[in-house]
Amino acid sequence: MTTIKDIAKLAKVGTTTVSRVINNSDKVSPTTKKRVEQAMQELNYQPNQYARTLKSNKSNTIAVSVPSIWHPFYSEFIFHIEKKVAEKGYRLLISSNDSDDQVEIEFLEMVRQNKVDGIIALTYHNIDRYLSSNIPFVSIDRYFKEKVAYVTSDNYHGGEIAAEELTKRGCKKLAYVAAVAPQKNDTLKRKDGFIDKARELGYEVAVFLKPEPIEDYHDFFEQFFEMYPATDGILAMNDSNALLLLDYLQSKNIRVPEDIQIIGYDGFRYFENFETSLTSIKQPIQQMAEAAFDLLFRLIAGEEIGNPIVLPVQFKEGKTTKKFPLTD
């Protein structure tokens, strides 16, 4: 079996230099590093990752937990995390827990036992007891009883923007529609910003909330329109809810945006460079992923948890609202 002594001999360097290259040390010149890597490749050397972890107490691995990789927001977020992980020379473990709290807890327990260097989680489950394990942890949109580093977008201002855009496009009967996660999180501020701005502009907002999971969205929207039939402008909790609403309205032959105008929230892409035709409040998904990654590595380096990172949102005009300025 090839050893670092064999590599050192072929590369004409000391074993300490080979060890530094294997462990991504910055104390090796680019020329020497290249020579050692060529020797490793020639000898088909594979570092013993488990032994390295035991010796250094670092695994060069981070974990990311998301509710579902089928959801475009989460998959786009992971896409940008993967790019940062590759640049750093790290490995990535991903859990798509299908919104199942037990699956997520089992994953967090597994990564804790296997000494990952840090965790990024988009979670709406009760995982507070897993946050005191001394593993660096960054949350997206969610705050906990214990102080945790987290990254979010300006959800309150996103709600304000939606109220402004709907009212200036002629909406009079506003509504906020959402399936709500059981744990408190920053996304709830979307509703607050929407209501506050609407009232400032002289409008009231009908609020229709149901706890997740929603088994039948057709029935969900049916209940809403029975209660608020005159609604002509809606902010949906997210783009996924907005797309389901569009499907429901189409089944009822209700025209969008002529009869009802809709704004979603996320501004995700179906695939690279192709966004939905929804009008939406666009979150900076790439910047959120990069900020979470950078924050995690500051925590890994021993920095203290600072204030939450709040990133700006913007209005993305699509086909579910009327053009502005309005024309006769």
C-alpha atoms as a PDB file:
ATOM      1  CA  MET A   1       0.000   0.000   0.000  1.00  0.00           C
ATOM      2  CA  THR A   2       1.317   3.429  -0.940  1.00  0.00           C
ATOM      3  CA  THR A   3       2.406   5.593   1.998  1.00  0.00           C
ATOM      4  CA  ILE A   4       3.298   9.266   2.344  1.00  0.00           C
ATOM      5  CA  LYS A   5       6.949   8.190   2.465  1.00  0.00           C
ATOM      6  CA  ASP A   6       6.592   6.813  -1.077  1.00  0.00           C
ATOM      7  CA  ILE A   7       5.046  10.092  -2.224  1.00  0.00           C
ATOM      8  CA  ALA A   8       7.750  12.141  -0.500  1.00  0.00           C
ATOM      9  CA  LYS A   9      10.470  10.119  -2.196  1.00  0.00           C
ATOM     10  CA  LEU A  10       8.923  10.478  -5.659  1.00  0.00           C
ATOM     11  CA  ALA A  11       8.199  14.212  -5.212  1.00  0.00           C
ATOM     12  CA  LYS A  12      11.603  14.826  -3.603  1.00  0.00           C
ATOM     13  CA  VAL A  13      10.126  16.510  -0.519  1.00  0.00           C
ATOM     14  CA  GLY A  14       9.808  15.661   3.155  1.00  0.00           C
ATOM     15  CA  THR A  15       6.895  13.688   4.621  1.00  0.00           C
ATOM     16  CA  THR A  16       5.797  16.826   6.517  1.00  0.00           C
ATOM     17  CA  THR A  17       5.305  18.635   3.203  1.00  0.00           C
ATOM     18  CA  VAL A  18       3.230  15.730   1.850  1.00  0.00           C
ATOM     19  CA  SER A  19       1.108  15.790   5.010  1.00  0.00           C
ATOM     20  CA  ARG A  20       0.529  19.527   4.608  1.00  0.00           C
ATOM     21  CA  VAL A  21      -0.607  19.071   1.002  1.00  0.00           C
ATOM     22  CA  ILE A  22      -3.020  16.298   2.007  1.00  0.00           C
ATOM     23  CA  ASN A  23      -4.476  18.539   4.711  1.00  0.00           C
ATOM     24  CA  ASN A  24      -4.812  21.584   2.394  1.00  0.00           C
ATOM     25  CA  SER A  25      -2.304  23.654   4.352  1.00  0.00           C
ATOM     26  CA  ASP A  26      -1.419  27.085   2.962  1.00  0.00           C
ATOM     27  CA  LYS A  27       2.207  26.631   4.080  1.00  0.00           C
ATOM     28  CA  VAL A  28       3.186  24.893   0.826  1.00  0.00           C
ATOM     29  CA  SER A  29       4.130  26.769  -2.346  1.00  0.00           C
ATOM     30  CA  PRO A  30       1.932  26.199  -5.415  1.00  0.00           C
ATOM     31  CA  THR A  31       4.862  24.608  -7.297  1.00  0.00           C
ATOM     32  CA  THR A  32       5.618  22.120  -4.522  1.00  0.00           C
ATOM     33  CA  LYS A  33       1.947  21.363  -4.023  1.00  0.00           C
ATOM     34  CA  LYS A  34       1.553  20.560  -7.711  1.00  0.00           C
ATOM     35  CA  ARG A  35       4.601  18.247  -7.619  1.00  0.00           C
ATOM     36  CA  VAL A  36       3.219  16.372  -4.592  1.00  0.00           C
ATOM     37  CA  GLU A  37      -0.227  16.062  -6.154  1.00  0.00           C
ATOM     38  CA  GLN A  38       1.305  14.667  -9.343  1.00  0.00           C
ATOM     39  CA  ALA A  39       3.200  12.083  -7.273  1.00  0.00           C
ATOM     40  CA  MET A  40      -0.019  11.144  -5.446  1.00  0.00           C
ATOM     41  CA  GLN A  41      -1.811  10.712  -8.759  1.00  0.00           C
ATOM     42  CA  GLU A  42       1.031   8.673 -10.262  1.00  0.00           C
ATOM     43  CA  LEU A  43       1.072   6.338  -7.254  1.00  0.00           C
ATOM     44  CA  ASN A  44      -2.751   6.250  -7.094  1.00  0.00           C
ATOM     45  CA  TYR A  45      -2.675   7.377  -3.477  1.00  0.00           C
ATOM     46  CA  GLN A  46      -6.006   7.788  -1.636  1.00  0.00           C
ATOM     47  CA  PRO A  47      -5.772   9.560   1.762  1.00  0.00           C
ATOM     48  CA  ASN A  48      -7.322   7.697   4.686  1.00  0.00           C
ATOM     49  CA  GLN A  49     -10.066  10.206   5.458  1.00  0.00           C
ATOM     50  CA  TYR A  50     -11.172   8.453   8.641  1.00  0.00           C
ATOM     51  CA  ALA A  51      -7.641   8.487  10.072  1.00  0.00           C
ATOM     52  CA  ARG A  52      -7.248  12.155   9.159  1.00  0.00           C
ATOM     53  CA  THR A  53     -10.471  12.956  10.989  1.00  0.00           C
ATOM     54  CA  LEU A  54      -9.335  11.171  14.144  1.00  0.00           C
ATOM     55  CA  LYS A  55      -5.937  12.876  14.078  1.00  0.00           C
ATOM     56  CA  SER A  56      -7.032  16.433  13.315  1.00  0.00           C
ATOM     57  CA  ASN A  57     -10.563  16.302  14.795  1.00  0.00           C
ATOM     58  CA  LYS A  58     -11.704  17.740  11.449  1.00  0.00           C
ATOM     59  CA  SER A  59     -13.568  15.869   8.750  1.00  0.00           C
ATOM     60  CA  ASN A  60     -13.496  18.522   5.988  1.00  0.00           C
ATOM     61  CA  THR A  61     -17.213  17.766   5.672  1.00  0.00           C
ATOM     62  CA  ILE A  62     -20.273  19.925   6.270  1.00  0.00           C
ATOM     63  CA  ALA A  63     -23.912  18.877   6.383  1.00  0.00           C
ATOM     64  CA  VAL A  64     -26.973  20.604   4.934  1.00  0.00           C
ATOM     65  CA  SER A  65     -30.528  19.702   5.927  1.00  0.00           C
ATOM     66  CA  VAL A  66     -33.518  20.859   3.853  1.00  0.00           C
ATOM     67  CA  PRO A  67     -37.200  19.888   3.870  1.00  0.00           C
ATOM     68  CA  SER A  68     -37.170  18.739   0.234  1.00  0.00           C
ATOM     69  CA  ILE A  69     -34.868  18.807  -2.777  1.00  0.00           C
ATOM     70  CA  TRP A  70     -37.988  18.822  -4.986  1.00  0.00           C
ATOM     71  CA  HIS A  71     -38.742  22.372  -3.856  1.00  0.00           C
ATOM     72  CA  PRO A  72     -37.008  24.778  -6.274  1.00  0.00           C
ATOM     73  CA  PHE A  73     -35.962  27.197  -3.508  1.00  0.00           C
ATOM     74  CA  TYR A  74     -34.168  24.474  -1.542  1.00  0.00           C
ATOM     75  CA  SER A  75     -32.580  22.870  -4.602  1.00  0.00           C
ATOM     76  CA  GLU A  76     -31.296  26.249  -5.824  1.00  0.00           C
ATOM     77  CA  PHE A  77     -29.928  26.948  -2.347  1.00  0.00           C
ATOM     78  CA  ILE A  78     -28.074  23.601  -2.294  1.00  0.00           C
ATOM     79  CA  PHE A  79     -26.721  24.245  -5.802  1.00  0.00           C
ATOM     80  CA  HIS A  80     -24.926  27.369  -4.576  1.00  0.00           C
ATOM     81  CA  ILE A  81     -23.729  25.654  -1.378  1.00  0.00           C
ATOM     82  CA  GLU A  82     -22.212  22.843  -3.467  1.00  0.00           C
ATOM     83  CA  LYS A  83     -20.221  25.362  -5.512  1.00  0.00           C
ATOM     84  CA  LYS A  84     -18.802  26.938  -2.352  1.00  0.00           C
ATOM     85  CA  VAL A  85     -18.001  23.515  -0.873  1.00  0.00           C
ATOM     86  CA  ALA A  86     -16.069  22.553  -4.009  1.00  0.00           C
ATOM     87  CA  GLU A  87     -14.068  25.797  -3.894  1.00  0.00           C
ATOM     88  CA  LYS A  88     -13.155  25.086  -0.280  1.00  0.00           C
ATOM     89  CA  GLY A  89     -12.094  21.506  -0.983  1.00  0.00           C
ATOM     90  CA  TYR A  90     -14.708  20.140   1.407  1.00  0.00           C
ATOM     91  CA  ARG A  91     -17.279  17.375   1.136  1.00  0.00           C
ATOM     92  CA  LEU A  92     -21.031  17.788   1.518  1.00  0.00           C
ATOM     93  CA  LEU A  93     -23.685  15.613   3.173  1.00  0.00           C
ATOM     94  CA  ILE A  94     -27.285  16.465   2.229  1.00  0.00           C
ATOM     95  CA  SER A  95     -30.504  15.417   3.945  1.00  0.00           C
ATOM     96  CA  SER A  96     -33.813  15.924   2.173  1.00  0.00           C
ATOM     97  CA  ASN A  97     -36.157  14.990   4.992  1.00  0.00           C
ATOM     98  CA  ASP A  98     -39.463  15.340   3.105  1.00  0.00           C
ATOM     99  CA  SER A  99     -40.674  17.563   5.977  1.00  0.00           C
ATOM    100  CA  ASP A 100     -40.442  14.545   8.308  1.00  0.00           C
ATOM    101  CA  ASP A 101     -39.085  15.648  11.699  1.00  0.00           C
ATOM    102  CA  GLN A 102     -37.933  12.145  12.652  1.00  0.00           C
ATOM    103  CA  VAL A 103     -35.882  11.816   9.461  1.00  0.00           C
ATOM    104  CA  GLU A 104     -34.227  15.173  10.128  1.00  0.00           C
ATOM    105  CA  ILE A 105     -33.476  14.305  13.772  1.00  0.00           C
ATOM    106  CA  GLU A 106     -31.905  10.981  12.741  1.00  0.00           C
ATOM    107  CA  PHE A 107     -29.749  12.824  10.200  1.00  0.00           C
ATOM    108  CA  LEU A 108     -28.607  15.409  12.746  1.00  0.00           C
ATOM    109  CA  GLU A 109     -27.786  12.649  15.220  1.00  0.00           C
ATOM    110  CA  MET A 110     -25.808  10.791  12.567  1.00  0.00           C
ATOM    111  CA  VAL A 111     -23.745  13.807  11.478  1.00  0.00           C
ATOM    112  CA  ARG A 112     -23.074  14.766  15.080  1.00  0.00           C
ATOM    113  CA  GLN A 113     -21.668  11.311  15.825  1.00  0.00           C
ATOM    114  CA  ASN A 114     -19.585  11.346  12.662  1.00  0.00           C
ATOM    115  CA  LYS A 115     -17.915  14.658  13.499  1.00  0.00           C
ATOM    116  CA  VAL A 116     -18.905  16.884  10.609  1.00  0.00           C
ATOM    117  CA  ASP A 117     -17.298  20.296  10.915  1.00  0.00           C
ATOM    118  CA  GLY A 118     -20.576  22.212  10.707  1.00  0.00           C
ATOM    119  CA  ILE A 119     -24.270  22.169   9.786  1.00  0.00           C
ATOM    120  CA  ILE A 120     -26.495  24.469   7.718  1.00  0.00           C
ATOM    121  CA  ALA A 121     -30.214  23.811   8.167  1.00  0.00           C
ATOM    122  CA  LEU A 122     -33.422  25.075   6.626  1.00  0.00           C
ATOM    123  CA  THR A 123     -35.642  23.520   9.260  1.00  0.00           C
ATOM    124  CA  TYR A 124     -39.098  24.058  10.717  1.00  0.00           C
ATOM    125  CA  HIS A 125     -38.941  21.188  13.223  1.00  0.00           C
ATOM    126  CA  ASN A 126     -38.342  21.107  16.952  1.00  0.00           C
ATOM    127  CA  ILE A 127     -34.587  20.448  16.988  1.00  0.00           C
ATOM    128  CA  ASP A 128     -33.559  22.759  19.847  1.00  0.00           C
ATOM    129  CA  ARG A 129     -31.925  19.948  21.824  1.00  0.00           C
ATOM    130  CA  TYR A 130     -29.516  19.295  18.942  1.00  0.00           C
ATOM    131  CA  LEU A 131     -28.090  22.807  19.034  1.00  0.00           C
ATOM    132  CA  SER A 132     -25.925  22.441  22.156  1.00  0.00           C
ATOM    133  CA  SER A 133     -23.569  19.847  20.721  1.00  0.00           C
ATOM    134  CA  ASN A 134     -20.711  22.326  20.084  1.00  0.00           C
ATOM    135  CA  ILE A 135     -20.970  21.754  16.335  1.00  0.00           C
ATOM    136  CA  PRO A 136     -21.060  25.074  14.412  1.00  0.00           C
ATOM    137  CA  PHE A 137     -24.640  25.542  13.210  1.00  0.00           C
ATOM    138  CA  VAL A 138     -26.199  28.089  10.833  1.00  0.00           C
ATOM    139  CA  SER A 139     -29.962  28.368  10.436  1.00  0.00           C
ATOM    140  CA  ILE A 140     -31.827  29.802   7.445  1.00  0.00           C
ATOM    141  CA  ASP A 141     -34.906  31.916   8.298  1.00  0.00           C
ATOM    142  CA  ARG A 142     -35.369  30.230  11.671  1.00  0.00           C
ATOM    143  CA  TYR A 143     -34.484  31.419  15.158  1.00  0.00           C
ATOM    144  CA  PHE A 144     -34.381  29.235  18.260  1.00  0.00           C
ATOM    145  CA  LYS A 145     -34.578  29.546  22.051  1.00  0.00           C
ATOM    146  CA  GLU A 146     -30.807  29.175  22.165  1.00  0.00           C
ATOM    147  CA  LYS A 147     -28.813  31.834  20.336  1.00  0.00           C
ATOM    148  CA  VAL A 148     -28.028  30.469  16.886  1.00  0.00           C
ATOM    149  CA  ALA A 149     -26.345  32.064  13.886  1.00  0.00           C
ATOM    150  CA  TYR A 150     -28.838  32.601  11.110  1.00  0.00           C
ATOM    151  CA  VAL A 151     -29.262  34.092   7.671  1.00  0.00           C
ATOM    152  CA  THR A 152     -32.513  35.417   6.291  1.00  0.00           C
ATOM    153  CA  SER A 153     -33.900  37.890   3.782  1.00  0.00           C
ATOM    154  CA  ASP A 154     -35.793  41.066   4.681  1.00  0.00           C
ATOM    155  CA  ASN A 155     -39.152  39.335   4.993  1.00  0.00           C
ATOM    156  CA  TYR A 156     -40.922  42.308   6.568  1.00  0.00           C
ATOM    157  CA  HIS A 157     -39.925  44.649   3.763  1.00  0.00           C
ATOM    158  CA  GLY A 158     -40.907  41.991   1.232  1.00  0.00           C
ATOM    159  CA  GLY A 159     -44.435  42.129   2.624  1.00  0.00           C
ATOM    160  CA  GLU A 160     -44.408  45.919   2.402  1.00  0.00           C
ATOM    161  CA  ILE A 161     -43.338  45.805  -1.251  1.00  0.00           C
ATOM    162  CA  ALA A 162     -46.150  43.370  -2.080  1.00  0.00           C
ATOM    163  CA  ALA A 163     -48.799  45.624  -0.515  1.00  0.00           C
ATOM    164  CA  GLU A 164     -47.491  48.662  -2.402  1.00  0.00           C
ATOM    165  CA  GLU A 165     -47.352  46.870  -5.739  1.00  0.00           C
ATOM    166  CA  LEU A 166     -50.845  45.350  -5.491  1.00  0.00           C
ATOM    167  CA  THR A 167     -52.542  48.583  -4.416  1.00  0.00           C
ATOM    168  CA  LYS A 168     -50.898  50.744  -7.077  1.00  0.00           C
ATOM    169  CA  ARG A 169     -52.133  48.192  -9.641  1.00  0.00           C
ATOM    170  CA  GLY A 170     -55.708  48.786  -8.528  1.00  0.00           C
ATOM    171  CA  CYS A 171     -56.351  46.066  -5.913  1.00  0.00           C
ATOM    172  CA  LYS A 172     -58.855  47.041  -3.212  1.00  0.00           C
ATOM    173  CA  LYS A 173     -59.545  43.761  -1.371  1.00  0.00           C
ATOM    174  CA  LEU A 174     -56.224  42.377  -0.226  1.00  0.00           C
ATOM    175  CA  ALA A 175     -55.496  39.003   1.336  1.00  0.00           C
ATOM    176  CA  TYR A 176     -52.551  37.096   2.747  1.00  0.00           C
ATOM    177  CA  VAL A 177     -52.765  33.326   2.270  1.00  0.00           C
ATOM    178  CA  ALA A 178     -50.366  30.880   3.886  1.00  0.00           C
ATOM    179  CA  ALA A 179     -49.743  27.348   5.079  1.00  0.00           C
ATOM    180  CA  VAL A 180     -47.818  27.973   8.294  1.00  0.00           C
ATOM    181  CA  ALA A 181     -45.021  25.880   9.807  1.00  0.00           C
ATOM    182  CA  PRO A 182     -45.467  24.948  13.494  1.00  0.00           C
ATOM    183  CA  GLN A 183     -42.201  26.586  14.613  1.00  0.00           C
ATOM    184  CA  LYS A 184     -41.784  30.356  14.731  1.00  0.00           C
ATOM    185  CA  ASN A 185     -39.538  31.664  11.971  1.00  0.00           C
ATOM    186  CA  ASP A 186     -38.579  34.840  10.170  1.00  0.00           C
ATOM    187  CA  THR A 187     -40.897  34.208   7.199  1.00  0.00           C
ATOM    188  CA  LEU A 188     -43.865  35.131   9.426  1.00  0.00           C
ATOM    189  CA  LYS A 189     -42.747  38.754   9.093  1.00  0.00           C
ATOM    190  CA  ARG A 190     -43.988  38.737   5.483  1.00  0.00           C
ATOM    191  CA  LYS A 191     -47.535  38.902   6.793  1.00  0.00           C
ATOM    192  CA  ASP A 192     -46.700  41.690   9.251  1.00  0.00           C
ATOM    193  CA  GLY A 193     -45.073  43.869   6.609  1.00  0.00           C
ATOM    194  CA  PHE A 194     -47.965  43.266   4.193  1.00  0.00           C
ATOM    195  CA  ILE A 195     -50.622  44.202   6.764  1.00  0.00           C
ATOM    196  CA  ASP A 196     -48.769  47.244   8.133  1.00  0.00           C
ATOM    197  CA  LYS A 197     -48.095  48.751   4.710  1.00  0.00           C
ATOM    198  CA  ALA A 198     -51.644  48.063   3.488  1.00  0.00           C
ATOM    199  CA  ARG A 199     -53.115  49.826   6.524  1.00  0.00           C
ATOM    200  CA  GLU A 200     -50.737  52.740   6.039  1.00  0.00           C
ATOM    201  CA  LEU A 201     -52.116  53.023   2.498  1.00  0.00           C
ATOM    202  CA  GLY A 202     -55.730  52.823   3.732  1.00  0.00           C
ATOM    203  CA  TYR A 203     -56.551  49.148   3.067  1.00  0.00           C
ATOM    204  CA  GLU A 204     -57.406  46.200   5.294  1.00  0.00           C
ATOM    205  CA  VAL A 205     -56.061  42.682   4.730  1.00  0.00           C
ATOM    206  CA  ALA A 206     -57.925  39.399   5.041  1.00  0.00           C
ATOM    207  CA  VAL A 207     -55.602  36.823   6.626  1.00  0.00           C
ATOM    208  CA  PHE A 208     -56.123  33.123   5.916  1.00  0.00           C
ATOM    209  CA  LEU A 209     -53.693  30.799   7.710  1.00  0.00           C
ATOM    210  CA  LYS A 210     -53.735  27.031   8.110  1.00  0.00           C
ATOM    211  CA  PRO A 211     -51.082  24.869   9.795  1.00  0.00           C
ATOM    212  CA  GLU A 212     -48.852  22.647   7.667  1.00  0.00           C
ATOM    213  CA  PRO A 213     -49.125  20.115   6.216  1.00  0.00           C
ATOM    214  CA  ILE A 214     -52.009  20.915   3.871  1.00  0.00           C
ATOM    215  CA  GLU A 215     -53.392  17.649   2.512  1.00  0.00           C
ATOM    216  CA  ASP A 216     -55.735  19.173  -0.080  1.00  0.00           C
ATOM    217  CA  TYR A 217     -54.891  22.600  -1.500  1.00  0.00           C
ATOM    218  CA  HIS A 218     -58.042  22.678  -3.628  1.00  0.00           C
ATOM    219  CA  ASP A 219     -60.101  22.473  -0.438  1.00  0.00           C
ATOM    220  CA  PHE A 220     -57.756  24.990   1.228  1.00  0.00           C
ATOM    221  CA  PHE A 221     -58.427  27.623  -1.445  1.00  0.00           C
ATOM    222  CA  GLU A 222     -62.109  26.693  -1.613  1.00  0.00           C
ATOM    223  CA  GLN A 223     -62.432  27.577   2.079  1.00  0.00           C
ATOM    224  CA  PHE A 224     -60.585  30.834   1.552  1.00  0.00           C
ATOM    225  CA  PHE A 225     -62.822  32.074  -1.294  1.00  0.00           C
ATOM    226  CA  GLU A 226     -65.965  31.072   0.566  1.00  0.00           C
ATOM    227  CA  MET A 227     -64.855  33.417   3.357  1.00  0.00           C
ATOM    228  CA  TYR A 228     -63.419  36.207   1.146  1.00  0.00           C
ATOM    229  CA  PRO A 229     -65.100  36.047  -2.296  1.00  0.00           C
ATOM    230  CA  ALA A 230     -64.411  39.699  -3.189  1.00  0.00           C
ATOM    231  CA  THR A 231     -60.614  39.357  -2.942  1.00  0.00           C
ATOM    232  CA  ASP A 232     -58.771  40.902  -5.903  1.00  0.00           C
ATOM    233  CA  GLY A 233     -55.159  40.953  -4.678  1.00  0.00           C
ATOM    234  CA  ILE A 234     -53.277  38.162  -2.888  1.00  0.00           C
ATOM    235  CA  LEU A 235     -49.822  37.768  -1.385  1.00  0.00           C
ATOM    236  CA  ALA A 236     -49.104  34.040  -1.132  1.00  0.00           C
ATOM    237  CA  MET A 237     -46.677  32.770   1.500  1.00  0.00           C
ATOM    238  CA  ASN A 238     -44.311  31.479  -1.193  1.00  0.00           C
ATOM    239  CA  ASP A 239     -44.129  30.744  -4.919  1.00  0.00           C
ATOM    240  CA  SER A 240     -45.186  27.121  -4.429  1.00  0.00           C
ATOM    241  CA  ASN A 241     -48.435  28.218  -2.783  1.00  0.00           C
ATOM    242  CA  ALA A 242     -48.927  30.806  -5.520  1.00  0.00           C
ATOM    243  CA  LEU A 243     -48.551  28.182  -8.268  1.00  0.00           C
ATOM    244  CA  LEU A 244     -51.086  25.932  -6.524  1.00  0.00           C
ATOM    245  CA  LEU A 245     -53.430  28.923  -6.272  1.00  0.00           C
ATOM    246  CA  LEU A 246     -53.049  29.582 -10.004  1.00  0.00           C
ATOM    247  CA  ASP A 247     -54.007  25.982 -10.727  1.00  0.00           C
ATOM    248  CA  TYR A 248     -57.102  26.320  -8.520  1.00  0.00           C
ATOM    249  CA  LEU A 249     -58.193  29.591 -10.171  1.00  0.00           C
ATOM    250  CA  GLN A 250     -57.760  28.080 -13.613  1.00  0.00           C
ATOM    251  CA  SER A 251     -60.075  25.222 -12.620  1.00  0.00           C
ATOM    252  CA  LYS A 252     -62.678  27.843 -11.638  1.00  0.00           C
ATOM    253  CA  ASN A 253     -62.209  29.902 -14.831  1.00  0.00           C
ATOM    254  CA  ILE A 254     -61.069  32.893 -12.794  1.00  0.00           C
ATOM    255  CA  ARG A 255     -58.698  35.087 -14.794  1.00  0.00           C
ATOM    256  CA  VAL A 256     -55.275  36.171 -13.556  1.00  0.00           C
ATOM    257  CA  PRO A 257     -54.426  39.050 -13.468  1.00  0.00           C
ATOM    258  CA  GLU A 258     -57.713  40.446 -14.856  1.00  0.00           C
ATOM    259  CA  ASP A 259     -59.914  39.253 -11.973  1.00  0.00           C
ATOM    260  CA  ILE A 260     -57.330  38.535  -9.278  1.00  0.00           C
ATOM    261  CA  GLN A 261     -53.713  39.630  -9.029  1.00  0.00           C
ATOM    262  CA  ILE A 262     -51.198  37.388  -7.252  1.00  0.00           C
ATOM    263  CA  ILE A 263     -47.741  37.914  -5.817  1.00  0.00           C
ATOM    264  CA  GLY A 264     -45.672  34.957  -4.667  1.00  0.00           C
ATOM    265  CA  TYR A 265     -42.535  34.958  -2.554  1.00  0.00           C
ATOM    266  CA  ASP A 266     -39.103  33.460  -3.348  1.00  0.00           C
ATOM    267  CA  GLY A 267     -38.498  34.191  -7.042  1.00  0.00           C
ATOM    268  CA  PHE A 268     -36.993  30.756  -7.539  1.00  0.00           C
ATOM    269  CA  ARG A 269     -35.924  29.242 -10.852  1.00  0.00           C
ATOM    270  CA  TYR A 270     -37.234  26.070 -12.469  1.00  0.00           C
ATOM    271  CA  PHE A 271     -33.699  25.567 -13.728  1.00  0.00           C
ATOM    272  CA  GLU A 272     -30.694  27.778 -14.329  1.00  0.00           C
ATOM    273  CA  ASN A 273     -31.563  31.112 -16.006  1.00  0.00           C
ATOM    274  CA  PHE A 274     -35.268  30.243 -16.265  1.00  0.00           C
ATOM    275  CA  GLU A 275     -37.577  31.856 -13.717  1.00  0.00           C
ATOM    276  CA  THR A 276     -41.300  31.299 -13.287  1.00  0.00           C
ATOM    277  CA  SER A 277     -43.785  33.729 -14.842  1.00  0.00           C
ATOM    278  CA  LEU A 278     -45.089  34.554 -11.370  1.00  0.00           C
ATOM    279  CA  THR A 279     -44.910  38.054 -10.037  1.00  0.00           C
ATOM    280  CA  SER A 280     -42.912  37.531  -6.864  1.00  0.00           C
ATOM    281  CA  ILE A 281     -40.846  39.000  -4.082  1.00  0.00           C
ATOM    282  CA  LYS A 282     -37.450  37.662  -5.037  1.00  0.00           C
ATOM    283  CA  GLN A 283     -35.107  36.410  -2.345  1.00  0.00           C
ATOM    284  CA  PRO A 284     -31.355  36.571  -3.068  1.00  0.00           C
ATOM    285  CA  ILE A 285     -30.945  32.786  -2.891  1.00  0.00           C
ATOM    286  CA  GLN A 286     -27.339  32.706  -4.078  1.00  0.00           C
ATOM    287  CA  GLN A 287     -26.285  35.414  -1.634  1.00  0.00           C
ATOM    288  CA  MET A 288     -28.145  33.649   1.197  1.00  0.00           C
ATOM    289  CA  ALA A 289     -26.303  30.391   0.452  1.00  0.00           C
ATOM    290  CA  GLU A 290     -22.921  32.110   0.216  1.00  0.00           C
ATOM    291  CA  ALA A 291     -23.535  34.118   3.393  1.00  0.00           C
ATOM    292  CA  ALA A 292     -24.552  30.963   5.274  1.00  0.00           C
ATOM    293  CA  PHE A 293     -21.450  29.134   4.058  1.00  0.00           C
ATOM    294  CA  ASP A 294     -19.087  31.983   4.959  1.00  0.00           C
ATOM    295  CA  LEU A 295     -20.760  32.401   8.351  1.00  0.00           C
ATOM    296  CA  LEU A 296     -20.419  28.686   9.074  1.00  0.00           C
ATOM    297  CA  PHE A 297     -16.695  28.788   8.395  1.00  0.00           C
ATOM    298  CA  ARG A 298     -16.262  31.795  10.641  1.00  0.00           C
ATOM    299  CA  LEU A 299     -17.911  29.756  13.397  1.00  0.00           C
ATOM    300  CA  ILE A 300     -15.681  26.768  12.598  1.00  0.00           C
ATOM    301  CA  ALA A 301     -12.690  29.100  12.999  1.00  0.00           C
ATOM    302  CA  GLY A 302     -13.923  29.968  16.490  1.00  0.00           C
ATOM    303  CA  GLU A 303     -15.673  33.318  15.966  1.00  0.00           C
ATOM    304  CA  GLU A 304     -18.581  34.261  18.216  1.00  0.00           C
ATOM    305  CA  ILE A 305     -22.182  34.251  16.989  1.00  0.00           C
ATOM    306  CA  GLY A 306     -23.024  37.774  15.875  1.00  0.00           C
ATOM    307  CA  ASN A 307     -26.230  39.453  14.741  1.00  0.00           C
ATOM    308  CA  PRO A 308     -28.429  37.742  12.131  1.00  0.00           C
ATOM    309  CA  ILE A 309     -27.517  38.411   8.512  1.00  0.00           C
ATOM    310  CA  VAL A 310     -30.509  40.023   6.778  1.00  0.00           C
ATOM    311  CA  LEU A 311     -30.276  40.350   2.992  1.00  0.00           C
ATOM    312  CA  PRO A 312     -32.401  42.629   0.757  1.00  0.00           C
ATOM    313  CA  VAL A 313     -35.283  41.442  -1.429  1.00  0.00           C
ATOM    314  CA  GLN A 314     -36.657  42.910  -4.648  1.00  0.00           C
ATOM    315  CA  PHE A 315     -39.850  42.956  -6.687  1.00  0.00           C
ATOM    316  CA  LYS A 316     -39.855  40.612  -9.689  1.00  0.00           C
ATOM    317  CA  GLU A 317     -42.615  41.518 -12.128  1.00  0.00           C
ATOM    318  CA  GLY A 318     -44.290  38.600 -13.889  1.00  0.00           C
ATOM    319  CA  LYS A 319     -47.597  37.785 -15.547  1.00  0.00           C
ATOM    320  CA  THR A 320     -49.777  37.442 -12.434  1.00  0.00           C
ATOM    321  CA  THR A 321     -50.102  41.182 -11.825  1.00  0.00           C
ATOM    322  CA  LYS A 322     -51.242  43.977 -14.128  1.00  0.00           C
ATOM    323  CA  LYS A 323     -48.735  46.202 -15.850  1.00  0.00           C
ATOM    324  CA  PHE A 324     -48.008  49.531 -14.171  1.00  0.00           C
ATOM    325  CA  PRO A 325     -48.855  52.264 -14.885  1.00  0.00           C
ATOM    326  CA  LEU A 326     -52.360  51.044 -15.519  1.00  0.00           C
ATOM    327  CA  THR A 327     -53.947  51.690 -18.917  1.00  0.00           C
ATOM    328  CA  ASP A 328     -57.636  52.063 -19.767  1.00  0.00           C
END
